[in-house]
């Protein structure tokens, strides 16, 4: 699964139930976009003696 896809969170009060679903009263929907992490880079430092 790729991390660059939006993610969402749903919240609210559960309302009436019907068949295989229910009504969400006072819905609150938040959508988040994930930012790709920068690639890790290594730095080599050479120290001269003396």
N, C-alpha and C. Protein backbone atom coordinates (compact mmCIF):
# COMPACT_ATOMS: atom_id res chain seq x y z
N UNK A 1 0.85 -1.18 0.00
CA UNK A 1 0.00 0.00 0.00
C UNK A 1 0.89 1.24 0.00
N UNK A 2 0.57 2.16 -0.83
CA UNK A 2 1.35 3.38 -0.96
C UNK A 2 0.94 4.38 0.12
N UNK A 3 1.91 5.17 0.62
CA UNK A 3 1.62 6.14 1.67
C UNK A 3 1.20 7.50 1.14
N UNK A 4 1.13 7.68 -0.19
CA UNK A 4 0.79 8.99 -0.73
C UNK A 4 -0.70 9.15 -0.98
N UNK A 5 -1.51 8.17 -0.63
CA UNK A 5 -2.96 8.26 -0.82
C UNK A 5 -3.59 8.98 0.37
N UNK A 6 -4.66 9.75 0.13
CA UNK A 6 -5.35 10.41 1.24
C UNK A 6 -5.98 9.39 2.18
N UNK A 7 -6.07 9.74 3.44
CA UNK A 7 -6.72 8.91 4.45
C UNK A 7 -7.87 9.73 5.03
N UNK A 8 -8.89 9.04 5.54
CA UNK A 8 -10.02 9.77 6.10
C UNK A 8 -10.48 9.14 7.40
N UNK A 9 -11.12 9.98 8.24
CA UNK A 9 -11.68 9.56 9.52
C UNK A 9 -13.13 10.04 9.55
N UNK A 10 -14.03 9.14 9.95
CA UNK A 10 -15.45 9.47 10.02
C UNK A 10 -15.90 9.35 11.47
N UNK A 11 -16.64 10.35 11.93
CA UNK A 11 -17.15 10.34 13.30
C UNK A 11 -18.55 10.94 13.30
N UNK A 12 -19.28 10.68 14.35
CA UNK A 12 -20.63 11.22 14.49
C UNK A 12 -21.48 10.32 15.37
N UNK A 13 -22.73 10.69 15.54
CA UNK A 13 -23.67 9.90 16.33
C UNK A 13 -24.32 8.86 15.43
N UNK A 14 -24.46 7.64 15.97
CA UNK A 14 -25.13 6.59 15.23
C UNK A 14 -26.63 6.83 15.26
N UNK A 15 -27.23 6.80 14.09
CA UNK A 15 -28.67 7.00 13.98
C UNK A 15 -29.39 5.69 13.74
N UNK A 16 -30.44 5.75 12.95
CA UNK A 16 -31.25 4.57 12.67
C UNK A 16 -30.48 3.55 11.85
N UNK A 17 -30.72 2.27 12.17
CA UNK A 17 -30.09 1.18 11.43
C UNK A 17 -31.04 0.70 10.35
N UNK A 18 -30.48 0.42 9.16
CA UNK A 18 -31.27 -0.10 8.05
C UNK A 18 -30.44 -1.14 7.30
N UNK A 19 -31.00 -2.33 7.11
CA UNK A 19 -30.33 -3.43 6.41
C UNK A 19 -28.92 -3.63 6.97
N UNK A 20 -27.90 -3.39 6.15
CA UNK A 20 -26.50 -3.61 6.56
C UNK A 20 -25.75 -2.31 6.79
N UNK A 21 -26.45 -1.23 7.08
CA UNK A 21 -25.80 0.06 7.27
C UNK A 21 -26.58 0.86 8.31
N UNK A 22 -26.09 2.02 8.65
CA UNK A 22 -26.77 2.89 9.59
C UNK A 22 -26.58 4.33 9.16
N UNK A 23 -27.42 5.21 9.69
CA UNK A 23 -27.35 6.64 9.40
C UNK A 23 -26.38 7.28 10.38
N UNK A 24 -25.50 8.11 9.88
CA UNK A 24 -24.55 8.85 10.72
C UNK A 24 -25.10 10.25 10.91
N UNK A 25 -25.56 10.55 12.13
CA UNK A 25 -26.10 11.87 12.43
C UNK A 25 -24.97 12.79 12.88
N UNK A 26 -25.06 14.04 12.54
CA UNK A 26 -24.02 15.04 12.85
C UNK A 26 -22.65 14.52 12.41
N UNK A 27 -22.51 14.21 11.11
CA UNK A 27 -21.24 13.63 10.65
C UNK A 27 -20.08 14.62 10.72
N UNK A 28 -18.91 14.08 10.98
CA UNK A 28 -17.67 14.83 11.00
C UNK A 28 -16.66 14.02 10.19
N UNK A 29 -16.25 14.54 9.06
CA UNK A 29 -15.33 13.83 8.18
C UNK A 29 -14.04 14.62 8.06
N UNK A 30 -12.93 13.97 8.32
CA UNK A 30 -11.62 14.60 8.19
C UNK A 30 -10.81 13.81 7.17
N UNK A 31 -10.18 14.52 6.24
CA UNK A 31 -9.36 13.88 5.21
C UNK A 31 -7.93 14.38 5.38
N UNK A 32 -7.00 13.45 5.39
CA UNK A 32 -5.59 13.77 5.56
C UNK A 32 -4.83 13.32 4.33
N UNK A 33 -3.93 14.16 3.86
CA UNK A 33 -3.06 13.80 2.75
C UNK A 33 -1.67 13.52 3.32
N UNK A 34 -1.19 12.34 3.06
CA UNK A 34 0.14 11.97 3.57
C UNK A 34 1.20 12.52 2.64
N UNK A 35 2.21 13.12 3.24
CA UNK A 35 3.34 13.62 2.46
C UNK A 35 4.41 12.54 2.41
N UNK A 36 5.00 12.33 1.24
CA UNK A 36 6.05 11.31 1.16
C UNK A 36 7.26 11.69 2.02
N UNK A 37 7.80 10.68 2.68
CA UNK A 37 8.98 10.92 3.50
C UNK A 37 10.19 11.11 2.58
N UNK A 38 11.08 12.05 2.92
CA UNK A 38 12.29 12.22 2.11
C UNK A 38 13.16 10.97 2.21
N UNK A 39 13.87 10.69 1.15
CA UNK A 39 14.75 9.53 1.15
C UNK A 39 15.90 9.75 2.12
N UNK A 40 16.24 8.71 2.82
CA UNK A 40 17.35 8.78 3.77
C UNK A 40 18.66 8.81 3.00
N UNK A 41 19.54 9.71 3.40
CA UNK A 41 20.84 9.78 2.76
C UNK A 41 21.93 9.66 3.83
N UNK A 42 23.01 9.06 3.47
CA UNK A 42 24.14 8.91 4.39
C UNK A 42 25.25 9.84 3.95
N UNK A 43 25.95 10.41 4.92
CA UNK A 43 27.07 11.30 4.62
C UNK A 43 28.33 10.69 5.23
N UNK A 44 29.34 10.58 4.44
CA UNK A 44 30.60 10.03 4.90
C UNK A 44 31.56 11.20 5.14
N UNK A 45 32.10 11.25 6.36
CA UNK A 45 33.04 12.31 6.71
C UNK A 45 34.39 11.67 6.98
N UNK A 46 35.42 12.13 6.24
CA UNK A 46 36.78 11.62 6.44
C UNK A 46 37.57 12.64 7.24
N UNK A 47 38.19 12.19 8.29
CA UNK A 47 38.99 13.05 9.12
C UNK A 47 40.48 12.73 8.88
N UNK A 48 41.28 13.76 8.66
CA UNK A 48 42.72 13.56 8.47
C UNK A 48 43.40 13.56 9.83
N UNK A 49 44.33 12.67 10.04
CA UNK A 49 45.03 12.65 11.33
C UNK A 49 45.91 13.88 11.50
N UNK A 50 45.98 14.32 12.75
CA UNK A 50 46.92 15.38 13.07
C UNK A 50 46.39 16.69 13.07
